[in-house]
C-alpha atoms as a PDB file:
ATOM      1  CA  MET A   1     -29.838 -20.860 -11.469  1.00  0.00           C
ATOM      2  CA  ALA A   2     -28.129 -22.032  -8.312  1.00  0.00           C
ATOM      3  CA  LEU A   3     -27.300 -20.999  -4.786  1.00  0.00           C
ATOM      4  CA  LEU A   4     -24.033 -22.672  -3.860  1.00  0.00           C
ATOM      5  CA  GLN A   5     -22.728 -23.012  -0.321  1.00  0.00           C
ATOM      6  CA  LYS A   6     -18.952 -22.952  -0.492  1.00  0.00           C
ATOM      7  CA  ASP A   7     -16.249 -21.883   1.957  1.00  0.00           C
ATOM      8  CA  LEU A   8     -13.101 -20.437   0.373  1.00  0.00           C
ATOM      9  CA  PHE A   9      -9.799 -20.811   2.202  1.00  0.00           C
ATOM     10  CA  ASN A  10     -11.838 -22.239   5.099  1.00  0.00           C
ATOM     11  CA  SER A  11     -13.729 -18.942   5.283  1.00  0.00           C
ATOM     12  CA  PRO A  12     -17.447 -18.309   4.641  1.00  0.00           C
ATOM     13  CA  TYR A  13     -16.765 -14.796   3.304  1.00  0.00           C
ATOM     14  CA  SER A  14     -16.910 -15.243  -0.465  1.00  0.00           C
ATOM     15  CA  GLY A  15     -17.655 -11.532  -0.880  1.00  0.00           C
ATOM     16  CA  VAL A  16     -14.242 -10.719   0.571  1.00  0.00           C
ATOM     17  CA  PHE A  17     -12.277 -13.031  -1.718  1.00  0.00           C
ATOM     18  CA  CYS A  18     -14.211 -12.852  -5.005  1.00  0.00           C
ATOM     19  CA  ALA A  19     -15.992 -10.386  -7.274  1.00  0.00           C
ATOM     20  CA  THR A  20     -18.486 -11.105 -10.036  1.00  0.00           C
ATOM     21  CA  ASN A  21     -20.909  -9.769 -12.613  1.00  0.00           C
ATOM     22  CA  ASP A  22     -22.973 -11.750 -15.118  1.00  0.00           C
ATOM     23  CA  LEU A  23     -19.995 -12.381 -17.398  1.00  0.00           C
ATOM     24  CA  VAL A  24     -16.926 -13.122 -15.307  1.00  0.00           C
ATOM     25  CA  THR A  25     -16.035 -14.053 -11.750  1.00  0.00           C
ATOM     26  CA  LEU A  26     -12.635 -12.956 -10.482  1.00  0.00           C
ATOM     27  CA  VAL A  27     -11.097 -15.316  -7.929  1.00  0.00           C
ATOM     28  CA  PRO A  28      -7.695 -15.416  -6.210  1.00  0.00           C
ATOM     29  CA  PRO A  29      -5.083 -18.138  -6.696  1.00  0.00           C
ATOM     30  CA  GLY A  30      -5.326 -21.230  -4.526  1.00  0.00           C
ATOM     31  CA  ILE A  31      -8.937 -22.239  -5.127  1.00  0.00           C
ATOM     32  CA  PRO A  32      -9.107 -25.889  -6.281  1.00  0.00           C
ATOM     33  CA  ASP A  33     -10.147 -26.531  -9.880  1.00  0.00           C
ATOM     34  CA  ASP A  34     -13.295 -28.408  -8.884  1.00  0.00           C
ATOM     35  CA  ASP A  35     -14.383 -25.496  -6.688  1.00  0.00           C
ATOM     36  CA  MET A  36     -13.804 -23.057  -9.550  1.00  0.00           C
ATOM     37  CA  GLU A  37     -15.907 -25.254 -11.817  1.00  0.00           C
ATOM     38  CA  ALA A  38     -18.698 -25.277  -9.236  1.00  0.00           C
ATOM     39  CA  ILE A  39     -18.506 -21.480  -8.878  1.00  0.00           C
ATOM     40  CA  SER A  40     -18.619 -21.033 -12.659  1.00  0.00           C
ATOM     41  CA  GLU A  41     -21.629 -23.321 -12.975  1.00  0.00           C
ATOM     42  CA  ALA A  42     -23.527 -21.715 -10.096  1.00  0.00           C
ATOM     43  CA  LEU A  43     -22.994 -18.132 -11.282  1.00  0.00           C
ATOM     44  CA  GLY A  44     -23.188 -18.854 -15.014  1.00  0.00           C
ATOM     45  CA  THR A  45     -19.920 -17.017 -15.623  1.00  0.00           C
ATOM     46  CA  LYS A  46     -16.385 -17.500 -16.811  1.00  0.00           C
ATOM     47  CA  VAL A  47     -13.864 -17.689 -13.944  1.00  0.00           C
ATOM     48  CA  GLU A  48     -10.538 -15.838 -14.066  1.00  0.00           C
ATOM     49  CA  VAL A  49      -7.729 -16.078 -11.511  1.00  0.00           C
ATOM     50  CA  ILE A  50      -6.054 -12.826 -10.524  1.00  0.00           C
ATOM     51  CA  THR A  51      -4.604 -10.878  -7.609  1.00  0.00           C
ATOM     52  CA  ILE A  52      -4.693  -7.148  -6.897  1.00  0.00           C
ATOM     53  CA  GLY A  53      -1.506  -5.775  -5.366  1.00  0.00           C
ATOM     54  CA  GLY A  54      -0.570  -9.384  -4.699  1.00  0.00           C
ATOM     55  CA  SER A  55      -3.597  -9.715  -2.428  1.00  0.00           C
ATOM     56  CA  SER A  56      -6.265 -12.420  -2.450  1.00  0.00           C
ATOM     57  CA  VAL A  57      -9.034 -10.242  -0.998  1.00  0.00           C
ATOM     58  CA  LEU A  58     -10.399  -9.294  -4.408  1.00  0.00           C
ATOM     59  CA  GLY A  59     -13.876  -8.472  -3.135  1.00  0.00           C
ATOM     60  CA  THR A  60     -12.530  -5.572  -1.101  1.00  0.00           C
ATOM     61  CA  LEU A  61     -10.361  -4.233  -3.932  1.00  0.00           C
ATOM     62  CA  ILE A  62     -12.678  -4.578  -6.957  1.00  0.00           C
ATOM     63  CA  ALA A  63     -16.126  -3.194  -7.799  1.00  0.00           C
ATOM     64  CA  MET A  64     -17.956  -4.318 -10.926  1.00  0.00           C
ATOM     65  CA  ASN A  65     -21.219  -4.470 -12.837  1.00  0.00           C
ATOM     66  CA  ASN A  66     -22.009  -5.666 -16.356  1.00  0.00           C
ATOM     67  CA  LYS A  67     -20.617  -2.469 -17.865  1.00  0.00           C
ATOM     68  CA  GLY A  68     -17.243  -2.218 -16.206  1.00  0.00           C
ATOM     69  CA  ILE A  69     -14.683  -3.070 -13.570  1.00  0.00           C
ATOM     70  CA  LEU A  70     -13.065  -0.583 -11.201  1.00  0.00           C
ATOM     71  CA  VAL A  71      -9.973  -1.603  -9.251  1.00  0.00           C
ATOM     72  CA  SER A  72      -7.773  -0.278  -6.485  1.00  0.00           C
ATOM     73  CA  ASN A  73      -4.619   1.663  -7.301  1.00  0.00           C
ATOM     74  CA  LEU A  74      -2.745  -1.081  -5.463  1.00  0.00           C
ATOM     75  CA  ILE A  75      -2.842  -3.069  -8.705  1.00  0.00           C
ATOM     76  CA  THR A  76       0.543  -3.896 -10.251  1.00  0.00           C
ATOM     77  CA  THR A  77       1.488  -3.450 -13.898  1.00  0.00           C
ATOM     78  CA  LEU A  78       1.353  -7.172 -14.628  1.00  0.00           C
ATOM     79  CA  GLU A  79      -2.017  -7.546 -12.879  1.00  0.00           C
ATOM     80  CA  LEU A  80      -3.392  -4.590 -14.832  1.00  0.00           C
ATOM     81  CA  GLU A  81      -2.224  -6.101 -18.104  1.00  0.00           C
ATOM     82  CA  LYS A  82      -4.055  -9.330 -17.338  1.00  0.00           C
ATOM     83  CA  LEU A  83      -7.201  -7.461 -16.334  1.00  0.00           C
ATOM     84  CA  GLU A  84      -7.003  -5.412 -19.536  1.00  0.00           C
ATOM     85  CA  GLU A  85      -6.999  -8.666 -21.524  1.00  0.00           C
ATOM     86  CA  ILE A  86     -10.019  -9.954 -19.596  1.00  0.00           C
ATOM     87  CA  THR A  87     -12.055  -6.763 -19.991  1.00  0.00           C
ATOM     88  CA  ALA A  88     -11.145  -6.351 -23.665  1.00  0.00           C
ATOM     89  CA  ALA A  89     -12.340  -9.887 -24.425  1.00  0.00           C
ATOM     90  CA  LEU A  90     -15.649  -9.204 -22.664  1.00  0.00           C
ATOM     91  CA  ASP A  91     -16.062  -5.609 -23.942  1.00  0.00           C
ATOM     92  CA  LEU A  92     -16.050  -4.173 -20.416  1.00  0.00           C
ATOM     93  CA  ASN A  93     -14.842  -0.755 -19.296  1.00  0.00           C
ATOM     94  CA  LEU A  94     -11.845  -0.777 -16.959  1.00  0.00           C
ATOM     95  CA  GLY A  95     -10.672   1.878 -14.529  1.00  0.00           C
ATOM     96  CA  VAL A  96      -8.141   2.294 -11.742  1.00  0.00           C
ATOM     97  CA  LEU A  97      -9.269   4.598  -8.965  1.00  0.00           C
ATOM     98  CA  SER A  98      -6.555   6.610  -7.244  1.00  0.00           C
ATOM     99  CA  GLU A  99      -7.937   7.168  -3.769  1.00  0.00           C
ATOM    100  CA  ARG A 100      -6.569   7.031  -0.249  1.00  0.00           C
ATOM    101  CA  SER A 101      -9.623   4.915   0.536  1.00  0.00           C
ATOM    102  CA  ASN A 102      -8.376   2.239  -1.836  1.00  0.00           C
ATOM    103  CA  ALA A 103     -10.604  -0.647  -0.724  1.00  0.00           C
ATOM    104  CA  ILE A 104     -12.658  -0.082  -3.861  1.00  0.00           C
ATOM    105  CA  GLY A 105     -14.933  -3.069  -3.337  1.00  0.00           C
ATOM    106  CA  ASN A 106     -15.960  -1.680   0.034  1.00  0.00           C
ATOM    107  CA  ASN A 107     -16.567   1.784  -1.399  1.00  0.00           C
ATOM    108  CA  PHE A 108     -19.272   0.826  -3.904  1.00  0.00           C
ATOM    109  CA  LEU A 109     -22.636  -0.949  -3.949  1.00  0.00           C
ATOM    110  CA  LEU A 110     -24.127  -1.098  -7.422  1.00  0.00           C
ATOM    111  CA  ASN A 111     -25.816  -2.983 -10.242  1.00  0.00           C
ATOM    112  CA  ASP A 112     -26.548  -2.090 -13.879  1.00  0.00           C
ATOM    113  CA  SER A 113     -29.162   0.524 -12.954  1.00  0.00           C
ATOM    114  CA  GLY A 114     -27.419   2.651 -10.334  1.00  0.00           C
ATOM    115  CA  GLY A 115     -25.130   2.637  -7.351  1.00  0.00           C
ATOM    116  CA  PHE A 116     -23.820   4.137  -4.140  1.00  0.00           C
ATOM    117  CA  CYS A 117     -20.310   5.228  -3.277  1.00  0.00           C
ATOM    118  CA  ASN A 118     -18.436   6.167  -0.130  1.00  0.00           C
ATOM    119  CA  GLU A 119     -19.138   9.791   0.758  1.00  0.00           C
ATOM    120  CA  ARG A 120     -15.413  10.347   1.320  1.00  0.00           C
ATOM    121  CA  LEU A 121     -14.543   9.686  -2.318  1.00  0.00           C
ATOM    122  CA  SER A 122     -13.622  12.774  -4.303  1.00  0.00           C
ATOM    123  CA  LYS A 123     -15.973  14.295  -6.854  1.00  0.00           C
ATOM    124  CA  GLN A 124     -13.517  13.310  -9.580  1.00  0.00           C
ATOM    125  CA  SER A 125     -13.571   9.671  -8.447  1.00  0.00           C
ATOM    126  CA  LYS A 126     -17.369   9.694  -8.472  1.00  0.00           C
ATOM    127  CA  VAL A 127     -17.392  11.039 -12.047  1.00  0.00           C
ATOM    128  CA  GLU A 128     -14.789   8.485 -13.148  1.00  0.00           C
ATOM    129  CA  SER A 129     -16.778   5.642 -11.603  1.00  0.00           C
ATOM    130  CA  GLU A 130     -19.953   6.742 -13.385  1.00  0.00           C
ATOM    131  CA  LYS A 131     -18.097   6.545 -16.701  1.00  0.00           C
ATOM    132  CA  ILE A 132     -16.790   3.063 -15.958  1.00  0.00           C
ATOM    133  CA  PHE A 133     -20.081   1.633 -14.677  1.00  0.00           C
ATOM    134  CA  GLU A 134     -22.297   3.693 -17.029  1.00  0.00           C
ATOM    135  CA  VAL A 135     -24.756   4.455 -14.215  1.00  0.00           C
ATOM    136  CA  ASP A 136     -25.504   7.359 -11.891  1.00  0.00           C
ATOM    137  CA  ILE A 137     -23.693   7.030  -8.565  1.00  0.00           C
ATOM    138  CA  THR A 138     -25.092   8.425  -5.304  1.00  0.00           C
ATOM    139  CA  SER A 139     -22.670   9.496  -2.553  1.00  0.00           C
ATOM    140  CA  GLN A 140     -24.312   8.245   0.629  1.00  0.00           C
ATOM    141  CA  SER A 141     -23.605   6.122   3.679  1.00  0.00           C
ATOM    142  CA  LEU A 142     -26.137   3.471   4.663  1.00  0.00           C
ATOM    143  CA  ASN A 143     -26.928   2.349   8.188  1.00  0.00           C
ATOM    144  CA  GLY A 144     -24.262   4.809   9.358  1.00  0.00           C
ATOM    145  CA  MET A 145     -21.578   2.906   7.442  1.00  0.00           C
ATOM    146  CA  ASP A 146     -19.507   3.942   4.450  1.00  0.00           C
ATOM    147  CA  THR A 147     -18.284   0.418   3.641  1.00  0.00           C
ATOM    148  CA  LEU A 148     -21.143   0.096   1.181  1.00  0.00           C
ATOM    149  CA  GLY A 149     -19.901  -3.065  -0.486  1.00  0.00           C
ATOM    150  CA  MET A 150     -20.311  -4.845   2.849  1.00  0.00           C
ATOM    151  CA  ILE A 151     -23.798  -3.436   3.515  1.00  0.00           C
ATOM    152  CA  GLY A 152     -25.503  -5.247   0.663  1.00  0.00           C
ATOM    153  CA  CYS A 153     -25.404  -7.340  -2.469  1.00  0.00           C
ATOM    154  CA  ALA A 154     -27.363  -6.567  -5.641  1.00  0.00           C
ATOM    155  CA  ASN A 155     -27.825  -8.006  -9.114  1.00  0.00           C
ATOM    156  CA  THR A 156     -30.052  -6.935 -12.007  1.00  0.00           C
ATOM    157  CA  LYS A 157     -33.159  -8.406 -10.378  1.00  0.00           C
ATOM    158  CA  GLY A 158     -32.974  -7.784  -6.645  1.00  0.00           C
ATOM    159  CA  GLY A 159     -30.922  -6.907  -3.605  1.00  0.00           C
ATOM    160  CA  LEU A 160     -30.140  -8.139  -0.105  1.00  0.00           C
ATOM    161  CA  CYS A 161     -29.061  -5.696   2.612  1.00  0.00           C
ATOM    162  CA  HIS A 162     -28.083  -5.335   6.264  1.00  0.00           C
ATOM    163  CA  PRO A 163     -31.073  -6.277   8.478  1.00  0.00           C
ATOM    164  CA  GLU A 164     -30.904  -3.084  10.565  1.00  0.00           C
ATOM    165  CA  ILE A 165     -31.163  -0.633   7.692  1.00  0.00           C
ATOM    166  CA  SER A 166     -33.928   1.946   8.106  1.00  0.00           C
ATOM    167  CA  ASP A 167     -37.120   1.830   6.046  1.00  0.00           C
ATOM    168  CA  ASN A 168     -36.194   5.160   4.482  1.00  0.00           C
ATOM    169  CA  GLU A 169     -32.736   3.955   3.451  1.00  0.00           C
ATOM    170  CA  LYS A 170     -34.231   0.786   2.037  1.00  0.00           C
ATOM    171  CA  GLU A 171     -36.561   2.892  -0.100  1.00  0.00           C
ATOM    172  CA  VAL A 172     -33.571   4.951  -1.269  1.00  0.00           C
ATOM    173  CA  MET A 173     -31.713   1.761  -2.191  1.00  0.00           C
ATOM    174  CA  GLU A 174     -34.657   0.533  -4.239  1.00  0.00           C
ATOM    175  CA  LYS A 175     -34.948   3.886  -5.987  1.00  0.00           C
ATOM    176  CA  VAL A 176     -31.231   4.072  -6.839  1.00  0.00           C
ATOM    177  CA  LEU A 177     -30.701   0.401  -7.759  1.00  0.00           C
ATOM    178  CA  LYS A 178     -34.160   0.094  -9.358  1.00  0.00           C
ATOM    179  CA  VAL A 179     -34.745  -3.365  -7.892  1.00  0.00           C
ATOM    180  CA  PRO A 180     -36.659  -4.619  -4.834  1.00  0.00           C
ATOM    181  CA  VAL A 181     -34.453  -4.924  -1.734  1.00  0.00           C
ATOM    182  CA  MET A 182     -34.921  -7.233   1.247  1.00  0.00           C
ATOM    183  CA  GLU A 183     -33.168  -7.353   4.609  1.00  0.00           C
ATOM    184  CA  GLY A 184     -31.322 -10.482   5.596  1.00  0.00           C
ATOM    185  CA  THR A 185     -28.238 -12.179   6.998  1.00  0.00           C
ATOM    186  CA  VAL A 186     -25.857 -14.932   5.908  1.00  0.00           C
ATOM    187  CA  ASN A 187     -23.440 -17.288   7.654  1.00  0.00           C
ATOM    188  CA  PHE A 188     -25.598 -17.857  10.740  1.00  0.00           C
ATOM    189  CA  GLY A 189     -26.603 -14.282  11.505  1.00  0.00           C
ATOM    190  CA  MET A 190     -23.818 -12.217   9.936  1.00  0.00           C
ATOM    191  CA  PRO A 191     -25.405  -8.880   8.894  1.00  0.00           C
ATOM    192  CA  LEU A 192     -22.671  -7.695   6.505  1.00  0.00           C
ATOM    193  CA  VAL A 193     -24.141  -9.641   3.624  1.00  0.00           C
ATOM    194  CA  GLY A 194     -21.851  -8.077   1.028  1.00  0.00           C
ATOM    195  CA  ALA A 195     -18.902  -9.756   2.717  1.00  0.00           C
ATOM    196  CA  GLY A 196     -20.632 -13.114   2.893  1.00  0.00           C
ATOM    197  CA  ILE A 197     -22.101 -13.467  -0.582  1.00  0.00           C
ATOM    198  CA  ILE A 198     -21.401 -12.825  -4.248  1.00  0.00           C
ATOM    199  CA  SER A 199     -24.177 -12.900  -6.810  1.00  0.00           C
ATOM    200  CA  SER A 200     -24.706 -12.736 -10.525  1.00  0.00           C
ATOM    201  CA  SER A 201     -28.209 -12.576 -11.972  1.00  0.00           C
ATOM    202  CA  LYS A 202     -28.099 -16.358 -12.374  1.00  0.00           C
ATOM    203  CA  GLY A 203     -26.769 -17.575  -9.049  1.00  0.00           C
ATOM    204  CA  ALA A 204     -24.963 -16.846  -5.817  1.00  0.00           C
ATOM    205  CA  ILE A 205     -22.233 -18.188  -3.551  1.00  0.00           C
ATOM    206  CA  CYS A 206     -22.409 -18.016   0.245  1.00  0.00           C
ATOM    207  CA  GLY A 207     -20.789 -19.788   3.169  1.00  0.00           C
ATOM    208  CA  ARG A 208     -21.580 -23.211   4.532  1.00  0.00           C
ATOM    209  CA  GLN A 209     -22.640 -21.709   7.859  1.00  0.00           C
ATOM    210  CA  SER A 210     -25.705 -20.102   6.264  1.00  0.00           C
ATOM    211  CA  THR A 211     -28.955 -21.546   7.559  1.00  0.00           C
ATOM    212  CA  GLY A 212     -31.889 -22.797   5.533  1.00  0.00           C
ATOM    213  CA  VAL A 213     -33.892 -19.702   6.446  1.00  0.00           C
ATOM    214  CA  GLU A 214     -31.023 -17.453   5.317  1.00  0.00           C
ATOM    215  CA  LEU A 215     -30.641 -19.348   2.053  1.00  0.00           C
ATOM    216  CA  GLY A 216     -34.328 -18.986   1.340  1.00  0.00           C
ATOM    217  CA  ARG A 217     -34.091 -15.260   1.991  1.00  0.00           C
ATOM    218  CA  VAL A 218     -31.110 -14.934  -0.353  1.00  0.00           C
ATOM    219  CA  GLU A 219     -32.932 -16.772  -3.117  1.00  0.00           C
ATOM    220  CA  GLU A 220     -36.033 -14.623  -2.699  1.00  0.00           C
ATOM    221  CA  ALA A 221     -34.168 -11.314  -2.441  1.00  0.00           C
ATOM    222  CA  LEU A 222     -31.912 -11.911  -5.444  1.00  0.00           C
ATOM    223  CA  LYS A 223     -34.619 -13.666  -7.478  1.00  0.00           C
ATOM    224  CA  LEU A 224     -32.591 -16.855  -7.918  1.00  0.00           C
ATOM    225  CA  PHE A 225     -35.479 -19.061  -9.074  1.00  0.00           C
END
């Protein structure tokens, strides 16, 4: 298990550019081979290069757990074909969500036990997402925000969330995700931890600006030891 500090494209926001589960990490083009090797080793996953709608901000356009991958309807035919090959090889469900709020990665916070979705998503989208992820999804904002993928980061063992979340919402998160959740920051005080970190159950990637105290909190919250 490893906690790797790595800036991507000179940015500390790995959660914006990448998406991961315990099997595969999706990264955009332009990341050096040695960095991709380090990411693969830290997370214990295979690394695949892809874009969504020609964009490199995969973390905002993709949501995933160990059951499936849900992507924005901005995806092109060629990109979808590649993603179909990846998911078929790993026996993962794959879905494309047709929503006006098409920043899919921002709209979901989940693991293999449960999840949250943006309250503005349609009932049909919620049902479709439950089929893809094979978990119950709760429509709820957290800390007054509906960009749930930015609020927190969770794996199969623990979760890290925005430091100003209420005690009641934290309890709800633990009940839905079925893991202990801790408050914290990354990248020298940045509270939107979902934008600043990606995590599998084996490791995590966060920016170089993260302090020693923040790194310790990440390791403890996500049980990376």
